[in-house]
Each structure stands twice: as structure tokens, then as C-alpha cells.
């Protein structure tokens, strides 16, 4: 699930999520959602802060993208 999908599932705007994640502004969130910044390159600390804000227990959900992978195709 993408960052945007997780954010929308929680009913948050980009600004509301930025307010919950210390050190991140709305523009950075927009960059992650549009692909300008790759979520797979964020630090573990930042990924965990996003997970806390989005109430996601498994950080891998944050790193999942919409592109099909070989593992997904095999199922």
C-alpha cells in the first residue's frame, strides 16, 4: 500500500500527517507520494515515525508500492 493510500485510509491530509511526523513538512510528503522521493530510501527512523503516525504496525506496508513484483506475480 502506498504512503498516499495509507494516509487517505486514515483520513489525513498531507499537512495533518506532516504535523504528526516530527521533522517532515507537507512538501516532503507530497514528494514521497508523487515519487519525487523514493520511500524505500528514507531512513529507518523516519519510516518508523511515519508508521507511528499512520498506525501501521509493519513498516513493510509503508515500503510496498503499486508496481507488481515477481513475488506478487507468483501468487
PDB file of N, CA and C in Angstrom:
ATOM      1  N   UNK A   1       0.857  -1.168   0.000  1.00  0.00           N
ATOM      2  CA  UNK A   1       0.000   0.000   0.000  1.00  0.00           C
ATOM      3  C   UNK A   1       0.907   1.235   0.000  1.00  0.00           C
ATOM      4  N   UNK A   2       0.582   2.213  -0.794  1.00  0.00           N
ATOM      5  CA  UNK A   2       1.415   3.396  -0.897  1.00  0.00           C
ATOM      6  C   UNK A   2       1.197   4.329   0.300  1.00  0.00           C
ATOM      7  N   UNK A   3       2.128   5.234   0.472  1.00  0.00           N
ATOM      8  CA  UNK A   3       2.017   6.222   1.539  1.00  0.00           C
ATOM      9  C   UNK A   3       0.712   7.002   1.398  1.00  0.00           C
ATOM     10  N   UNK A   4       0.388   7.397   0.192  1.00  0.00           N
ATOM     11  CA  UNK A   4      -0.845   8.154  -0.043  1.00  0.00           C
ATOM     12  C   UNK A   4      -2.071   7.335   0.345  1.00  0.00           C
ATOM     13  N   UNK A   5      -2.085   6.057  -0.047  1.00  0.00           N
ATOM     14  CA  UNK A   5      -3.224   5.194   0.292  1.00  0.00           C
ATOM     15  C   UNK A   5      -3.359   5.039   1.807  1.00  0.00           C
ATOM     16  N   UNK A   6      -2.222   4.862   2.483  1.00  0.00           N
ATOM     17  CA  UNK A   6      -2.264   4.750   3.943  1.00  0.00           C
ATOM     18  C   UNK A   6      -2.767   6.040   4.576  1.00  0.00           C
ATOM     19  N   UNK A   7      -2.292   7.173   4.064  1.00  0.00           N
ATOM     20  CA  UNK A   7      -2.710   8.470   4.602  1.00  0.00           C
ATOM     21  C   UNK A   7      -4.209   8.676   4.409  1.00  0.00           C
ATOM     22  N   UNK A   8      -4.680   8.398   3.204  1.00  0.00           N
ATOM     23  CA  UNK A   8      -6.105   8.576   2.920  1.00  0.00           C
ATOM     24  C   UNK A   8      -6.966   7.605   3.719  1.00  0.00           C
ATOM     25  N   UNK A   9      -6.470   6.397   3.913  1.00  0.00           N
ATOM     26  CA  UNK A   9      -7.203   5.402   4.709  1.00  0.00           C
ATOM     27  C   UNK A   9      -7.404   5.910   6.136  1.00  0.00           C
ATOM     28  N   UNK A  10      -6.453   6.662   6.638  1.00  0.00           N
ATOM     29  CA  UNK A  10      -6.552   7.240   7.985  1.00  0.00           C
ATOM     30  C   UNK A  10      -7.292   8.571   7.992  1.00  0.00           C
ATOM     31  N   UNK A  11      -7.701   9.054   6.818  1.00  0.00           N
ATOM     32  CA  UNK A  11      -8.471  10.293   6.731  1.00  0.00           C
ATOM     33  C   UNK A  11      -7.646  11.537   7.020  1.00  0.00           C
ATOM     34  N   UNK A  12      -6.362  11.493   6.688  1.00  0.00           N
ATOM     35  CA  UNK A  12      -5.470  12.619   6.973  1.00  0.00           C
ATOM     36  C   UNK A  12      -5.124  13.384   5.703  1.00  0.00           C
ATOM     37  N   UNK A  13      -4.972  14.685   5.833  1.00  0.00           N
ATOM     38  CA  UNK A  13      -4.418  15.479   4.750  1.00  0.00           C
ATOM     39  C   UNK A  13      -2.903  15.384   4.835  1.00  0.00           C
ATOM     40  N   UNK A  14      -2.230  15.838   3.796  1.00  0.00           N
ATOM     41  CA  UNK A  14      -0.763  15.854   3.837  1.00  0.00           C
ATOM     42  C   UNK A  14      -0.271  16.714   5.007  1.00  0.00           C
ATOM     43  N   UNK A  15      -0.919  17.838   5.231  1.00  0.00           N
ATOM     44  CA  UNK A  15      -0.497  18.724   6.323  1.00  0.00           C
ATOM     45  C   UNK A  15      -0.724  18.076   7.684  1.00  0.00           C
ATOM     46  N   UNK A  16      -1.843  17.402   7.857  1.00  0.00           N
ATOM     47  CA  UNK A  16      -2.098  16.725   9.128  1.00  0.00           C
ATOM     48  C   UNK A  16      -1.062  15.642   9.393  1.00  0.00           C
ATOM     49  N   UNK A  17      -0.680  14.903   8.347  1.00  0.00           N
ATOM     50  CA  UNK A  17       0.357  13.885   8.519  1.00  0.00           C
ATOM     51  C   UNK A  17       1.695  14.543   8.842  1.00  0.00           C
ATOM     52  N   UNK A  18       2.012  15.629   8.161  1.00  0.00           N
ATOM     53  CA  UNK A  18       3.260  16.352   8.435  1.00  0.00           C
ATOM     54  C   UNK A  18       3.298  16.832   9.876  1.00  0.00           C
ATOM     55  N   UNK A  19       2.171  17.262  10.400  1.00  0.00           N
ATOM     56  CA  UNK A  19       2.099  17.718  11.793  1.00  0.00           C
ATOM     57  C   UNK A  19       2.353  16.569  12.770  1.00  0.00           C
ATOM     58  N   UNK A  20       2.033  15.342  12.353  1.00  0.00           N
ATOM     59  CA  UNK A  20       2.217  14.173  13.228  1.00  0.00           C
ATOM     60  C   UNK A  20       3.632  13.595  13.153  1.00  0.00           C
ATOM     61  N   UNK A  21       4.337  13.856  12.045  1.00  0.00           N
ATOM     62  CA  UNK A  21       5.680  13.287  11.837  1.00  0.00           C
ATOM     63  C   UNK A  21       6.706  14.405  12.044  1.00  0.00           C
ATOM     64  N   UNK A  22       7.380  14.348  13.165  1.00  0.00           N
ATOM     65  CA  UNK A  22       8.356  15.384  13.509  1.00  0.00           C
ATOM     66  C   UNK A  22       9.456  15.473  12.454  1.00  0.00           C
ATOM     67  N   UNK A  23       9.745  16.697  12.031  1.00  0.00           N
ATOM     68  CA  UNK A  23      10.827  16.934  11.085  1.00  0.00           C
ATOM     69  C   UNK A  23      10.451  16.771   9.620  1.00  0.00           C
ATOM     70  N   UNK A  24       9.173  16.565   9.336  1.00  0.00           N
ATOM     71  CA  UNK A  24       8.725  16.392   7.955  1.00  0.00           C
ATOM     72  C   UNK A  24       7.678  17.448   7.647  1.00  0.00           C
ATOM     73  N   UNK A  25       7.833  18.104   6.492  1.00  0.00           N
ATOM     74  CA  UNK A  25       6.838  19.100   6.101  1.00  0.00           C
ATOM     75  C   UNK A  25       5.931  18.544   5.005  1.00  0.00           C
ATOM     76  N   UNK A  26       4.895  19.288   4.684  1.00  0.00           N
ATOM     77  CA  UNK A  26       3.907  18.839   3.704  1.00  0.00           C
ATOM     78  C   UNK A  26       4.538  18.605   2.337  1.00  0.00           C
ATOM     79  N   UNK A  27       5.487  19.449   1.950  1.00  0.00           N
ATOM     80  CA  UNK A  27       6.135  19.304   0.640  1.00  0.00           C
ATOM     81  C   UNK A  27       6.901  17.988   0.544  1.00  0.00           C
ATOM     82  N   UNK A  28       7.536  17.560   1.625  1.00  0.00           N
ATOM     83  CA  UNK A  28       8.270  16.290   1.630  1.00  0.00           C
ATOM     84  C   UNK A  28       7.295  15.128   1.459  1.00  0.00           C
ATOM     85  N   UNK A  29       6.156  15.203   2.137  1.00  0.00           N
ATOM     86  CA  UNK A  29       5.142  14.148   1.999  1.00  0.00           C
ATOM     87  C   UNK A  29       4.627  14.100   0.559  1.00  0.00           C
ATOM     88  N   UNK A  30       4.367  15.259  -0.014  1.00  0.00           N
ATOM     89  CA  UNK A  30       3.935  15.312  -1.409  1.00  0.00           C
ATOM     90  C   UNK A  30       4.993  14.691  -2.318  1.00  0.00           C
ATOM     91  N   UNK A  31       6.263  14.941  -2.017  1.00  0.00           N
ATOM     92  CA  UNK A  31       7.349  14.361  -2.799  1.00  0.00           C
ATOM     93  C   UNK A  31       7.384  12.846  -2.721  1.00  0.00           C
ATOM     94  N   UNK A  32       7.147  12.305  -1.535  1.00  0.00           N
ATOM     95  CA  UNK A  32       7.086  10.844  -1.388  1.00  0.00           C
ATOM     96  C   UNK A  32       5.885  10.279  -2.147  1.00  0.00           C
ATOM     97  N   UNK A  33       4.764  10.974  -2.080  1.00  0.00           N
ATOM     98  CA  UNK A  33       3.551  10.468  -2.719  1.00  0.00           C
ATOM     99  C   UNK A  33       3.618  10.526  -4.237  1.00  0.00           C
ATOM    100  N   UNK A  34       4.324  11.504  -4.789  1.00  0.00           N
ATOM    101  CA  UNK A  34       4.417  11.633  -6.246  1.00  0.00           C
ATOM    102  C   UNK A  34       5.592  10.870  -6.834  1.00  0.00           C
ATOM    103  N   UNK A  35       6.451  10.354  -5.972  1.00  0.00           N
ATOM    104  CA  UNK A  35       7.608   9.617  -6.454  1.00  0.00           C
ATOM    105  C   UNK A  35       8.854  10.468  -6.627  1.00  0.00           C
ATOM    106  N   UNK A  36       8.769  11.758  -6.308  1.00  0.00           N
ATOM    107  CA  UNK A  36       9.955  12.617  -6.376  1.00  0.00           C
ATOM    108  C   UNK A  36      11.012  12.100  -5.400  1.00  0.00           C
ATOM    109  N   UNK A  37      10.566  11.677  -4.224  1.00  0.00           N
ATOM    110  CA  UNK A  37      11.426  10.995  -3.252  1.00  0.00           C
ATOM    111  C   UNK A  37      10.958   9.551  -3.163  1.00  0.00           C
ATOM    112  N   UNK A  38      11.887   8.621  -3.142  1.00  0.00           N
ATOM    113  CA  UNK A  38      11.550   7.200  -3.062  1.00  0.00           C
ATOM    114  C   UNK A  38      11.422   6.799  -1.589  1.00  0.00           C
ATOM    115  N   UNK A  39      10.270   6.290  -1.187  1.00  0.00           N
ATOM    116  CA  UNK A  39      10.066   5.903   0.206  1.00  0.00           C
ATOM    117  C   UNK A  39      11.041   4.811   0.635  1.00  0.00           C
ATOM    118  N   UNK A  40      11.527   4.029  -0.308  1.00  0.00           N
ATOM    119  CA  UNK A  40      12.485   2.969   0.029  1.00  0.00           C
ATOM    120  C   UNK A  40      13.848   3.518   0.419  1.00  0.00           C
ATOM    121  N   UNK A  41      14.082   4.803   0.167  1.00  0.00           N
ATOM    122  CA  UNK A  41      15.360   5.415   0.525  1.00  0.00           C
ATOM    123  C   UNK A  41      15.293   6.219   1.820  1.00  0.00           C
ATOM    124  N   UNK A  42      14.131   6.258   2.464  1.00  0.00           N
ATOM    125  CA  UNK A  42      14.048   7.006   3.720  1.00  0.00           C
ATOM    126  C   UNK A  42      14.728   6.214   4.835  1.00  0.00           C
ATOM    127  N   UNK A  43      15.175   6.922   5.839  1.00  0.00           N
ATOM    128  CA  UNK A  43      15.843   6.255   6.959  1.00  0.00           C
ATOM    129  C   UNK A  43      14.844   5.400   7.733  1.00  0.00           C
ATOM    130  N   UNK A  44      15.370   4.424   8.448  1.00  0.00           N
ATOM    131  CA  UNK A  44      14.515   3.576   9.269  1.00  0.00           C
ATOM    132  C   UNK A  44      13.798   4.414  10.314  1.00  0.00           C
ATOM    133  N   UNK A  45      14.499   5.376  10.893  1.00  0.00           N
ATOM    134  CA  UNK A  45      13.892   6.250  11.893  1.00  0.00           C
ATOM    135  C   UNK A  45      12.689   6.987  11.317  1.00  0.00           C
ATOM    136  N   UNK A  46      12.841   7.542  10.122  1.00  0.00           N
ATOM    137  CA  UNK A  46      11.737   8.270   9.500  1.00  0.00           C
ATOM    138  C   UNK A  46      10.600   7.316   9.141  1.00  0.00           C
ATOM    139  N   UNK A  47      10.931   6.141   8.627  1.00  0.00           N
ATOM    140  CA  UNK A  47       9.892   5.161   8.292  1.00  0.00           C
ATOM    141  C   UNK A  47       9.081   4.782   9.533  1.00  0.00           C
ATOM    142  N   UNK A  48       9.772   4.608  10.660  1.00  0.00           N
ATOM    143  CA  UNK A  48       9.072   4.262  11.902  1.00  0.00           C
ATOM    144  C   UNK A  48       8.202   5.420  12.395  1.00  0.00           C
ATOM    145  N   UNK A  49       8.670   6.658  12.206  1.00  0.00           N
ATOM    146  CA  UNK A  49       7.832   7.806  12.592  1.00  0.00           C
ATOM    147  C   UNK A  49       6.573   7.869  11.732  1.00  0.00           C
ATOM    148  N   UNK A  50       6.706   7.584  10.437  1.00  0.00           N
ATOM    149  CA  UNK A  50       5.522   7.526   9.567  1.00  0.00           C
ATOM    150  C   UNK A  50       4.589   6.405  10.025  1.00  0.00           C
ATOM    151  N   UNK A  51       5.154   5.254  10.335  1.00  0.00           N
ATOM    152  CA  UNK A  51       4.332   4.123  10.790  1.00  0.00           C
ATOM    153  C   UNK A  51       3.574   4.467  12.066  1.00  0.00           C
ATOM    154  N   UNK A  52       4.232   5.130  12.997  1.00  0.00           N
ATOM    155  CA  UNK A  52       3.555   5.542  14.231  1.00  0.00           C
ATOM    156  C   UNK A  52       2.413   6.500  13.923  1.00  0.00           C
ATOM    157  N   UNK A  53       2.671   7.478  13.069  1.00  0.00           N
ATOM    158  CA  UNK A  53       1.653   8.483  12.744  1.00  0.00           C
ATOM    159  C   UNK A  53       0.470   7.862  12.006  1.00  0.00           C
ATOM    160  N   UNK A  54       0.751   6.860  11.179  1.00  0.00           N
ATOM    161  CA  UNK A  54      -0.303   6.228  10.382  1.00  0.00           C
ATOM    162  C   UNK A  54      -0.880   4.976  11.037  1.00  0.00           C
ATOM    163  N   UNK A  55      -0.395   4.664  12.252  1.00  0.00           N
ATOM    164  CA  UNK A  55      -0.844   3.490  12.993  1.00  0.00           C
ATOM    165  C   UNK A  55      -0.667   2.217  12.156  1.00  0.00           C
ATOM    166  N   UNK A  56       0.532   2.075  11.621  1.00  0.00           N
ATOM    167  CA  UNK A  56       0.891   0.898  10.829  1.00  0.00           C
ATOM    168  C   UNK A  56       1.900   0.109  11.650  1.00  0.00           C
ATOM    169  N   UNK A  57       1.593  -1.153  11.922  1.00  0.00           N
ATOM    170  CA  UNK A  57       2.473  -1.950  12.771  1.00  0.00           C
ATOM    171  C   UNK A  57       3.639  -2.563  11.998  1.00  0.00           C
ATOM    172  N   UNK A  58       3.479  -2.766  10.712  1.00  0.00           N
ATOM    173  CA  UNK A  58       4.526  -3.386   9.903  1.00  0.00           C
ATOM    174  C   UNK A  58       5.085  -2.355   8.924  1.00  0.00           C
ATOM    175  N   UNK A  59       6.345  -1.920   9.112  1.00  0.00           N
ATOM    176  CA  UNK A  59       6.930  -0.910   8.212  1.00  0.00           C
ATOM    177  C   UNK A  59       6.962  -1.343   6.750  1.00  0.00           C
ATOM    178  N   UNK A  60       6.907  -2.639   6.489  1.00  0.00           N
ATOM    179  CA  UNK A  60       6.904  -3.095   5.092  1.00  0.00           C
ATOM    180  C   UNK A  60       5.678  -2.583   4.331  1.00  0.00           C
ATOM    181  N   UNK A  61       4.578  -2.367   5.028  1.00  0.00           N
ATOM    182  CA  UNK A  61       3.390  -1.825   4.366  1.00  0.00           C
ATOM    183  C   UNK A  61       3.677  -0.459   3.777  1.00  0.00           C
ATOM    184  N   UNK A  62       4.496   0.315   4.475  1.00  0.00           N
ATOM    185  CA  UNK A  62       4.860   1.644   4.008  1.00  0.00           C
ATOM    186  C   UNK A  62       5.739   1.554   2.767  1.00  0.00           C
ATOM    187  N   UNK A  63       6.551   0.513   2.685  1.00  0.00           N
ATOM    188  CA  UNK A  63       7.503   0.379   1.589  1.00  0.00           C
ATOM    189  C   UNK A  63       6.924  -0.310   0.370  1.00  0.00           C
ATOM    190  N   UNK A  64       5.748  -0.916   0.523  1.00  0.00           N
ATOM    191  CA  UNK A  64       5.099  -1.535  -0.629  1.00  0.00           C
ATOM    192  C   UNK A  64       4.734  -0.462  -1.630  1.00  0.00           C
ATOM    193  N   UNK A  65       4.885  -0.787  -2.907  1.00  0.00           N
ATOM    194  CA  UNK A  65       4.484   0.172  -3.932  1.00  0.00           C
ATOM    195  C   UNK A  65       3.422  -0.443  -4.821  1.00  0.00           C
ATOM    196  N   UNK A  66       2.975   0.311  -5.800  1.00  0.00           N
ATOM    197  CA  UNK A  66       1.909  -0.150  -6.685  1.00  0.00           C
ATOM    198  C   UNK A  66       2.429  -0.981  -7.845  1.00  0.00           C
ATOM    199  N   UNK A  67       3.744  -1.056  -8.002  1.00  0.00           N
ATOM    200  CA  UNK A  67       4.326  -1.800  -9.111  1.00  0.00           C
ATOM    201  C   UNK A  67       4.289  -3.295  -8.794  1.00  0.00           C
ATOM    202  N   UNK A  68       3.907  -4.117  -9.746  1.00  0.00           N
ATOM    203  CA  UNK A  68       3.883  -5.551  -9.477  1.00  0.00           C
ATOM    204  C   UNK A  68       5.295  -6.084  -9.306  1.00  0.00           C
ATOM    205  N   UNK A  69       5.462  -6.980  -8.355  1.00  0.00           N
ATOM    206  CA  UNK A  69       6.756  -7.604  -8.158  1.00  0.00           C
ATOM    207  C   UNK A  69       6.671  -9.055  -8.584  1.00  0.00           C
ATOM    208  N   UNK A  70       7.828  -9.684  -8.716  1.00  0.00           N
ATOM    209  CA  UNK A  70       7.844 -11.093  -9.099  1.00  0.00           C
ATOM    210  C   UNK A  70       7.116 -11.940  -8.065  1.00  0.00           C
ATOM    211  N   UNK A  71       7.292 -11.575  -6.781  1.00  0.00           N
ATOM    212  CA  UNK A  71       6.636 -12.328  -5.707  1.00  0.00           C
ATOM    213  C   UNK A  71       5.124 -12.212  -5.810  1.00  0.00           C
ATOM    214  N   UNK A  72       4.622 -10.991  -6.090  1.00  0.00           N
ATOM    215  CA  UNK A  72       3.181 -10.801  -6.222  1.00  0.00           C
ATOM    216  C   UNK A  72       2.640 -11.543  -7.441  1.00  0.00           C
ATOM    217  N   UNK A  73       3.440 -11.552  -8.533  1.00  0.00           N
ATOM    218  CA  UNK A  73       3.004 -12.222  -9.765  1.00  0.00           C
ATOM    219  C   UNK A  73       2.923 -13.733  -9.571  1.00  0.00           C
ATOM    220  N   UNK A  74       3.767 -14.280  -8.697  1.00  0.00           N
ATOM    221  CA  UNK A  74       3.823 -15.723  -8.486  1.00  0.00           C
ATOM    222  C   UNK A  74       2.610 -16.235  -7.713  1.00  0.00           C
ATOM    223  N   UNK A  75       1.918 -15.360  -7.020  1.00  0.00           N
ATOM    224  CA  UNK A  75       0.783 -15.797  -6.192  1.00  0.00           C
ATOM    225  C   UNK A  75      -0.463 -15.981  -7.004  1.00  0.00           C
TER     226      UNK A  75
END
